[in-house]
Amino acid sequence: MNISAYSMTFITSEVEAVRSFYDRFFDTWYPFDCGWYVLMRLGKTPDAPELGFMEPRDGAQSFSTGGMLNLIVADVDEMHRRMSAAGETVVIPLADNPWGDRGFGVLDPAGVIVYCHKEIPPSDEFRQFIQRSPADRRGA
């Protein structure tokens, strides 16, 4: 199977608040926006990650909890400073984690945890769990 693109859509009654949140912290662009449904790109390049947010329609229920969006960012410390200074709700404190990232999580208006991080070397305990792709293994 060859997947050429992906996106995830969260159903929420907070579409405008979500739009404001992502506009403040990520370089968003909207390839589609009809008000009750927005498809946003987190960046202005054609291959930037996409997210959808949609008001409840046709019996669909609002997202309630359990989702986490993981974003690798260039400067996680600066992102943490900006989001904390703006009063965003930090639900995962900024930390170096033994599995190989430095990151933190905030809650967006739809209830999605947005986990911003950068890669760091994993501890010896977690290094054993890193898998190479089948393509990487063929070239070894």
N, C-alpha and C. Protein backbone atom coordinates (compact mmCIF):
# COMPACT_ATOMS: atom_id res chain seq x y z
N MET A 1 0.84 -1.17 0.00
CA MET A 1 0.00 0.00 0.00
C MET A 1 0.89 1.24 0.00
N ASN A 2 0.53 2.22 -0.82
CA ASN A 2 1.29 3.46 -0.90
C ASN A 2 0.36 4.62 -0.57
N ILE A 3 0.51 5.19 0.61
CA ILE A 3 -0.31 6.34 1.03
C ILE A 3 0.44 7.60 0.62
N SER A 4 -0.23 8.46 -0.13
CA SER A 4 0.46 9.65 -0.64
C SER A 4 0.21 10.89 0.20
N ALA A 5 -0.79 10.89 1.06
CA ALA A 5 -1.06 12.04 1.93
C ALA A 5 -1.90 11.56 3.10
N TYR A 6 -1.97 12.36 4.13
CA TYR A 6 -2.77 12.01 5.29
C TYR A 6 -3.24 13.29 5.97
N SER A 7 -4.33 13.18 6.69
CA SER A 7 -4.78 14.24 7.58
C SER A 7 -5.71 13.61 8.60
N MET A 8 -5.94 14.31 9.66
CA MET A 8 -6.86 13.86 10.69
C MET A 8 -7.85 14.97 10.94
N THR A 9 -9.11 14.63 11.15
CA THR A 9 -10.13 15.62 11.43
C THR A 9 -10.70 15.39 12.82
N PHE A 10 -10.78 16.46 13.60
CA PHE A 10 -11.38 16.43 14.92
C PHE A 10 -12.71 17.16 14.84
N ILE A 11 -13.74 16.55 15.40
CA ILE A 11 -15.06 17.16 15.43
C ILE A 11 -15.17 17.95 16.73
N THR A 12 -15.48 19.25 16.61
CA THR A 12 -15.53 20.13 17.78
C THR A 12 -16.47 21.31 17.52
N SER A 13 -17.10 21.76 18.57
CA SER A 13 -17.91 22.98 18.45
C SER A 13 -17.03 24.22 18.61
N GLU A 14 -15.75 24.05 18.77
CA GLU A 14 -14.81 25.14 19.01
C GLU A 14 -13.94 25.45 17.79
N VAL A 15 -14.48 25.37 16.59
CA VAL A 15 -13.68 25.56 15.37
C VAL A 15 -12.98 26.92 15.37
N GLU A 16 -13.68 27.98 15.72
CA GLU A 16 -13.06 29.32 15.71
C GLU A 16 -11.95 29.44 16.74
N ALA A 17 -12.15 28.89 17.93
CA ALA A 17 -11.11 28.93 18.96
C ALA A 17 -9.90 28.10 18.55
N VAL A 18 -10.15 26.96 17.91
CA VAL A 18 -9.06 26.12 17.42
C VAL A 18 -8.26 26.87 16.36
N ARG A 19 -8.98 27.50 15.43
CA ARG A 19 -8.31 28.28 14.37
C ARG A 19 -7.40 29.34 15.00
N SER A 20 -7.90 30.06 15.97
CA SER A 20 -7.13 31.11 16.64
C SER A 20 -5.89 30.53 17.32
N PHE A 21 -6.05 29.40 17.99
CA PHE A 21 -4.93 28.74 18.67
C PHE A 21 -3.82 28.40 17.69
N TYR A 22 -4.14 27.69 16.60
CA TYR A 22 -3.11 27.26 15.66
C TYR A 22 -2.53 28.45 14.89
N ASP A 23 -3.35 29.46 14.60
CA ASP A 23 -2.85 30.67 13.93
C ASP A 23 -1.79 31.37 14.78
N ARG A 24 -1.98 31.37 16.11
CA ARG A 24 -1.04 32.07 17.00
C ARG A 24 0.33 31.40 17.07
N PHE A 25 0.37 30.08 16.96
CA PHE A 25 1.62 29.38 17.23
C PHE A 25 2.24 28.65 16.05
N PHE A 26 1.47 28.40 15.01
CA PHE A 26 1.97 27.64 13.87
C PHE A 26 1.65 28.43 12.61
N ASP A 27 2.47 28.35 11.65
CA ASP A 27 2.36 29.15 10.42
C ASP A 27 1.25 28.57 9.53
N THR A 28 -0.01 28.72 9.95
CA THR A 28 -1.11 28.03 9.31
C THR A 28 -1.52 28.65 7.98
N TRP A 29 -2.06 27.79 7.15
CA TRP A 29 -2.65 28.15 5.86
C TRP A 29 -3.84 27.23 5.66
N TYR A 30 -4.90 27.73 5.03
CA TYR A 30 -6.15 26.98 4.92
C TYR A 30 -6.46 26.65 3.47
N PRO A 31 -6.15 25.42 3.02
CA PRO A 31 -6.50 25.03 1.66
C PRO A 31 -8.01 24.92 1.45
N PHE A 32 -8.78 24.71 2.55
CA PHE A 32 -10.24 24.66 2.46
C PHE A 32 -10.82 25.21 3.75
N ASP A 33 -11.82 26.09 3.61
CA ASP A 33 -12.44 26.70 4.78
C ASP A 33 -13.85 27.13 4.41
N CYS A 34 -14.85 26.41 4.93
CA CYS A 34 -16.24 26.81 4.69
C CYS A 34 -16.91 27.27 5.97
N GLY A 35 -16.12 27.60 6.99
CA GLY A 35 -16.66 28.07 8.25
C GLY A 35 -16.85 26.95 9.25
N TRP A 36 -17.71 25.99 8.95
CA TRP A 36 -17.97 24.90 9.88
C TRP A 36 -16.95 23.76 9.74
N TYR A 37 -16.17 23.79 8.65
CA TYR A 37 -15.08 22.82 8.45
C TYR A 37 -13.89 23.58 7.91
N VAL A 38 -12.74 23.39 8.58
CA VAL A 38 -11.50 23.98 8.09
C VAL A 38 -10.46 22.88 7.96
N LEU A 39 -9.75 22.92 6.85
CA LEU A 39 -8.57 22.08 6.66
C LEU A 39 -7.39 23.01 6.72
N MET A 40 -6.54 22.82 7.69
CA MET A 40 -5.40 23.73 7.87
C MET A 40 -4.11 22.99 7.64
N ARG A 41 -3.15 23.72 7.11
CA ARG A 41 -1.78 23.22 7.00
C ARG A 41 -0.95 23.93 8.05
N LEU A 42 -0.13 23.16 8.74
CA LEU A 42 0.77 23.72 9.74
C LEU A 42 2.07 24.08 9.05
N GLY A 43 2.02 25.14 8.29
CA GLY A 43 3.12 25.60 7.45
C GLY A 43 2.58 25.92 6.07
N LYS A 44 3.32 26.67 5.32
CA LYS A 44 2.83 27.13 4.02
C LYS A 44 3.42 26.37 2.84
N THR A 45 4.06 25.24 3.11
CA THR A 45 4.61 24.43 2.02
C THR A 45 3.58 23.37 1.61
N PRO A 46 3.63 22.91 0.36
CA PRO A 46 2.66 21.91 -0.10
C PRO A 46 2.68 20.61 0.70
N ASP A 47 3.81 20.27 1.30
CA ASP A 47 3.90 19.00 2.04
C ASP A 47 3.75 19.18 3.55
N ALA A 48 3.31 20.37 4.00
CA ALA A 48 3.12 20.61 5.43
C ALA A 48 2.02 19.71 5.98
N PRO A 49 2.12 19.30 7.23
CA PRO A 49 1.08 18.46 7.84
C PRO A 49 -0.28 19.16 7.82
N GLU A 50 -1.33 18.38 7.62
CA GLU A 50 -2.69 18.92 7.57
C GLU A 50 -3.53 18.39 8.73
N LEU A 51 -4.41 19.25 9.23
CA LEU A 51 -5.39 18.89 10.25
C LEU A 51 -6.73 19.45 9.84
N GLY A 52 -7.78 18.73 10.13
CA GLY A 52 -9.12 19.23 9.90
C GLY A 52 -9.85 19.40 11.22
N PHE A 53 -10.69 20.42 11.28
CA PHE A 53 -11.56 20.64 12.43
C PHE A 53 -12.95 20.93 11.88
N MET A 54 -13.94 20.22 12.40
CA MET A 54 -15.29 20.29 11.87
C MET A 54 -16.30 20.38 13.01
N GLU A 55 -17.28 21.27 12.84
CA GLU A 55 -18.37 21.33 13.80
C GLU A 55 -19.20 20.06 13.68
N PRO A 56 -19.81 19.61 14.77
CA PRO A 56 -20.63 18.39 14.71
C PRO A 56 -21.72 18.52 13.64
N ARG A 57 -21.87 17.50 12.83
CA ARG A 57 -22.88 17.46 11.77
C ARG A 57 -23.38 16.04 11.61
N ASP A 58 -24.61 15.93 11.15
CA ASP A 58 -25.20 14.63 10.80
C ASP A 58 -25.00 13.56 11.87
N GLY A 59 -25.18 13.94 13.12
CA GLY A 59 -25.09 12.97 14.21
C GLY A 59 -23.70 12.67 14.71
N ALA A 60 -22.67 13.25 14.09
CA ALA A 60 -21.29 13.02 14.55
C ALA A 60 -21.10 13.70 15.91
N GLN A 61 -20.44 13.02 16.81
CA GLN A 61 -20.20 13.54 18.15
C GLN A 61 -18.88 14.31 18.21
N SER A 62 -18.84 15.33 19.06
CA SER A 62 -17.61 16.08 19.27
C SER A 62 -16.54 15.19 19.88
N PHE A 63 -15.31 15.46 19.49
CA PHE A 63 -14.16 14.81 20.10
C PHE A 63 -14.19 15.11 21.59
N SER A 64 -13.91 14.13 22.43
CA SER A 64 -13.98 14.40 23.86
C SER A 64 -12.63 14.32 24.55
N THR A 65 -11.81 13.35 24.23
CA THR A 65 -10.52 13.23 24.88
C THR A 65 -9.74 12.05 24.30
N GLY A 66 -8.45 12.05 24.55
CA GLY A 66 -7.65 10.89 24.20
C GLY A 66 -6.72 11.09 23.03
N GLY A 67 -6.84 12.20 22.28
CA GLY A 67 -5.98 12.40 21.12
C GLY A 67 -4.76 13.24 21.45
N MET A 68 -3.65 12.90 20.82
CA MET A 68 -2.43 13.68 20.99
C MET A 68 -1.79 13.88 19.63
N LEU A 69 -1.54 15.13 19.29
CA LEU A 69 -0.89 15.50 18.05
C LEU A 69 0.58 15.75 18.37
N ASN A 70 1.48 15.00 17.75
CA ASN A 70 2.92 15.13 18.00
C ASN A 70 3.54 15.96 16.89
N LEU A 71 4.19 17.05 17.28
CA LEU A 71 4.82 17.94 16.30
C LEU A 71 6.29 18.12 16.64
N ILE A 72 7.16 17.80 15.70
CA ILE A 72 8.59 18.09 15.87
C ILE A 72 8.79 19.54 15.48
N VAL A 73 9.36 20.32 16.39
CA VAL A 73 9.57 21.75 16.16
C VAL A 73 11.07 22.06 16.23
N ALA A 74 11.47 23.16 15.59
CA ALA A 74 12.88 23.52 15.51
C ALA A 74 13.45 23.90 16.87
N ASP A 75 12.69 24.66 17.66
CA ASP A 75 13.18 25.14 18.95
C ASP A 75 12.10 24.90 20.01
N VAL A 76 12.14 23.75 20.64
CA VAL A 76 11.10 23.37 21.59
C VAL A 76 11.09 24.27 22.82
N ASP A 77 12.26 24.75 23.23
CA ASP A 77 12.31 25.63 24.40
C ASP A 77 11.63 26.97 24.11
N GLU A 78 11.87 27.52 22.94
CA GLU A 78 11.23 28.77 22.55
C GLU A 78 9.72 28.58 22.38
N MET A 79 9.31 27.46 21.80
CA MET A 79 7.88 27.20 21.65
C MET A 79 7.22 27.09 23.02
N HIS A 80 7.87 26.42 23.95
CA HIS A 80 7.35 26.31 25.31
C HIS A 80 7.24 27.69 25.95
N ARG A 81 8.26 28.51 25.79
CA ARG A 81 8.22 29.87 26.35
C ARG A 81 7.05 30.66 25.78
N ARG A 82 6.90 30.63 24.45
CA ARG A 82 5.82 31.39 23.80
C ARG A 82 4.44 30.93 24.24
N MET A 83 4.25 29.62 24.27
CA MET A 83 2.92 29.11 24.61
C MET A 83 2.61 29.32 26.09
N SER A 84 3.60 29.16 26.95
CA SER A 84 3.39 29.42 28.38
C SER A 84 3.10 30.90 28.62
N ALA A 85 3.86 31.78 27.97
CA ALA A 85 3.65 33.22 28.13
C ALA A 85 2.26 33.64 27.63
N ALA A 86 1.73 32.92 26.65
CA ALA A 86 0.41 33.24 26.11
C ALA A 86 -0.71 32.66 26.99
N GLY A 87 -0.34 31.92 28.05
CA GLY A 87 -1.33 31.39 28.97
C GLY A 87 -1.95 30.07 28.56
N GLU A 88 -1.33 29.37 27.61
CA GLU A 88 -1.86 28.07 27.19
C GLU A 88 -1.72 27.07 28.34
N THR A 89 -2.62 26.10 28.39
CA THR A 89 -2.64 25.10 29.46
C THR A 89 -1.61 24.01 29.17
N VAL A 90 -0.52 24.03 29.93
CA VAL A 90 0.53 23.01 29.78
C VAL A 90 0.08 21.78 30.58
N VAL A 91 -0.14 20.68 29.88
CA VAL A 91 -0.60 19.45 30.54
C VAL A 91 0.51 18.41 30.67
N ILE A 92 1.58 18.59 29.91
CA ILE A 92 2.77 17.74 30.02
C ILE A 92 3.95 18.69 30.16
N PRO A 93 4.61 18.71 31.32
CA PRO A 93 5.70 19.66 31.53
C PRO A 93 6.88 19.42 30.58
N LEU A 94 7.60 20.48 30.28
CA LEU A 94 8.80 20.40 29.45
C LEU A 94 9.83 19.51 30.15
N ALA A 95 10.32 18.50 29.43
CA ALA A 95 11.27 17.56 30.03
C ALA A 95 12.07 16.85 28.94
N ASP A 96 13.27 16.42 29.32
CA ASP A 96 14.06 15.50 28.50
C ASP A 96 13.59 14.09 28.87
N ASN A 97 13.15 13.34 27.88
CA ASN A 97 12.58 12.02 28.13
C ASN A 97 13.53 10.92 27.68
N PRO A 98 13.62 9.84 28.44
CA PRO A 98 14.61 8.80 28.14
C PRO A 98 14.36 8.08 26.82
N TRP A 99 13.15 8.16 26.28
CA TRP A 99 12.86 7.49 24.99
C TRP A 99 13.37 8.28 23.81
N GLY A 100 13.91 9.50 24.03
CA GLY A 100 14.60 10.20 22.96
C GLY A 100 13.93 11.47 22.47
N ASP A 101 13.28 12.21 23.37
CA ASP A 101 12.79 13.53 22.98
C ASP A 101 12.80 14.49 24.15
N ARG A 102 12.85 15.76 23.81
CA ARG A 102 12.66 16.84 24.77
C ARG A 102 11.37 17.50 24.33
N GLY A 103 10.37 17.51 25.20
CA GLY A 103 9.09 18.02 24.77
C GLY A 103 8.17 18.42 25.89
N PHE A 104 7.02 18.95 25.48
CA PHE A 104 5.96 19.37 26.39
C PHE A 104 4.64 19.29 25.63
N GLY A 105 3.55 19.30 26.38
CA GLY A 105 2.23 19.24 25.76
C GLY A 105 1.31 20.32 26.27
N VAL A 106 0.54 20.90 25.37
CA VAL A 106 -0.50 21.86 25.73
C VAL A 106 -1.83 21.33 25.22
N LEU A 107 -2.90 21.85 25.77
CA LEU A 107 -4.23 21.45 25.37
C LEU A 107 -4.80 22.48 24.42
N ASP A 108 -5.25 22.04 23.22
CA ASP A 108 -5.88 22.99 22.30
C ASP A 108 -7.36 23.12 22.65
N PRO A 109 -8.08 24.08 22.07
CA PRO A 109 -9.48 24.30 22.44
C PRO A 109 -10.42 23.13 22.13
N ALA A 110 -10.01 22.20 21.28
CA ALA A 110 -10.83 21.04 20.98
C ALA A 110 -10.57 19.89 21.96
N GLY A 111 -9.59 20.04 22.85
CA GLY A 111 -9.25 19.00 23.79
C GLY A 111 -8.14 18.07 23.33
N VAL A 112 -7.46 18.43 22.26
CA VAL A 112 -6.34 17.64 21.73
C VAL A 112 -5.07 18.09 22.44
N ILE A 113 -4.28 17.14 22.92
CA ILE A 113 -2.97 17.48 23.45
C ILE A 113 -2.04 17.69 22.27
N VAL A 114 -1.42 18.86 22.21
CA VAL A 114 -0.45 19.17 21.17
C VAL A 114 0.92 19.02 21.82
N TYR A 115 1.62 17.95 21.45
CA TYR A 115 2.91 17.63 22.03
C TYR A 115 4.01 18.13 21.10
N CYS A 116 4.70 19.17 21.51
CA CYS A 116 5.80 19.76 20.74
C CYS A 116 7.10 19.20 21.28
N HIS A 117 7.96 18.73 20.37
CA HIS A 117 9.20 18.12 20.83
C HIS A 117 10.30 18.21 19.79
N LYS A 118 11.50 17.87 20.25
CA LYS A 118 12.63 17.68 19.36
C LYS A 118 13.30 16.37 19.78
N GLU A 119 13.96 15.76 18.84
CA GLU A 119 14.64 14.50 19.13
C GLU A 119 15.93 14.77 19.89
N ILE A 120 16.21 13.91 20.85
CA ILE A 120 17.48 13.89 21.57
C ILE A 120 17.90 12.42 21.63
N PRO A 121 19.15 12.14 21.94
CA PRO A 121 19.56 10.74 22.02
C PRO A 121 18.78 10.00 23.12
N PRO A 122 18.31 8.80 22.82
CA PRO A 122 17.61 8.02 23.85
C PRO A 122 18.59 7.44 24.86
N SER A 123 18.09 7.10 26.02
CA SER A 123 18.91 6.42 27.02
C SER A 123 19.22 5.01 26.53
N ASP A 124 20.19 4.38 27.15
CA ASP A 124 20.53 3.00 26.80
C ASP A 124 19.31 2.09 26.95
N GLU A 125 18.49 2.36 27.95
CA GLU A 125 17.30 1.54 28.19
C GLU A 125 16.36 1.55 26.99
N PHE A 126 16.22 2.70 26.31
CA PHE A 126 15.26 2.81 25.21
C PHE A 126 15.88 2.62 23.83
N ARG A 127 17.20 2.70 23.72
CA ARG A 127 17.86 2.56 22.42
C ARG A 127 17.51 1.24 21.75
N GLN A 128 17.33 0.20 22.54
CA GLN A 128 17.03 -1.13 22.00
C GLN A 128 15.68 -1.20 21.28
N PHE A 129 14.79 -0.23 21.52
CA PHE A 129 13.46 -0.27 20.92
C PHE A 129 13.38 0.49 19.60
N ILE A 130 14.43 1.16 19.20
CA ILE A 130 14.42 1.91 17.95
C ILE A 130 14.53 0.93 16.79
N GLN A 131 13.60 1.02 15.88
CA GLN A 131 13.55 0.12 14.73
C GLN A 131 13.96 0.86 13.46
N ARG A 132 14.71 0.20 12.63
CA ARG A 132 15.02 0.75 11.31
C ARG A 132 13.96 0.29 10.33
N SER A 133 13.70 1.09 9.33
CA SER A 133 12.72 0.71 8.32
C SER A 133 13.26 -0.45 7.49
N PRO A 134 12.37 -1.23 6.85
CA PRO A 134 12.83 -2.32 5.98
C PRO A 134 13.79 -1.83 4.89
N ALA A 135 13.56 -0.63 4.37
CA ALA A 135 14.44 -0.09 3.33
C ALA A 135 15.84 0.17 3.89
N ASP A 136 15.92 0.66 5.14
CA ASP A 136 17.21 0.90 5.78
C ASP A 136 17.97 -0.41 6.00
N ARG A 137 17.23 -1.45 6.37
CA ARG A 137 17.85 -2.74 6.64
C ARG A 137 18.42 -3.39 5.38
N ARG A 138 17.76 -3.17 4.23
CA ARG A 138 18.26 -3.75 2.97
C ARG A 138 19.59 -3.12 2.56
N GLY A 139 19.78 -1.84 2.90
CA GLY A 139 21.01 -1.16 2.49
C GLY A 139 22.16 -1.43 3.43
N ALA A 140 21.92 -2.12 4.55
CA ALA A 140 22.99 -2.35 5.53
C ALA A 140 23.84 -3.53 5.17
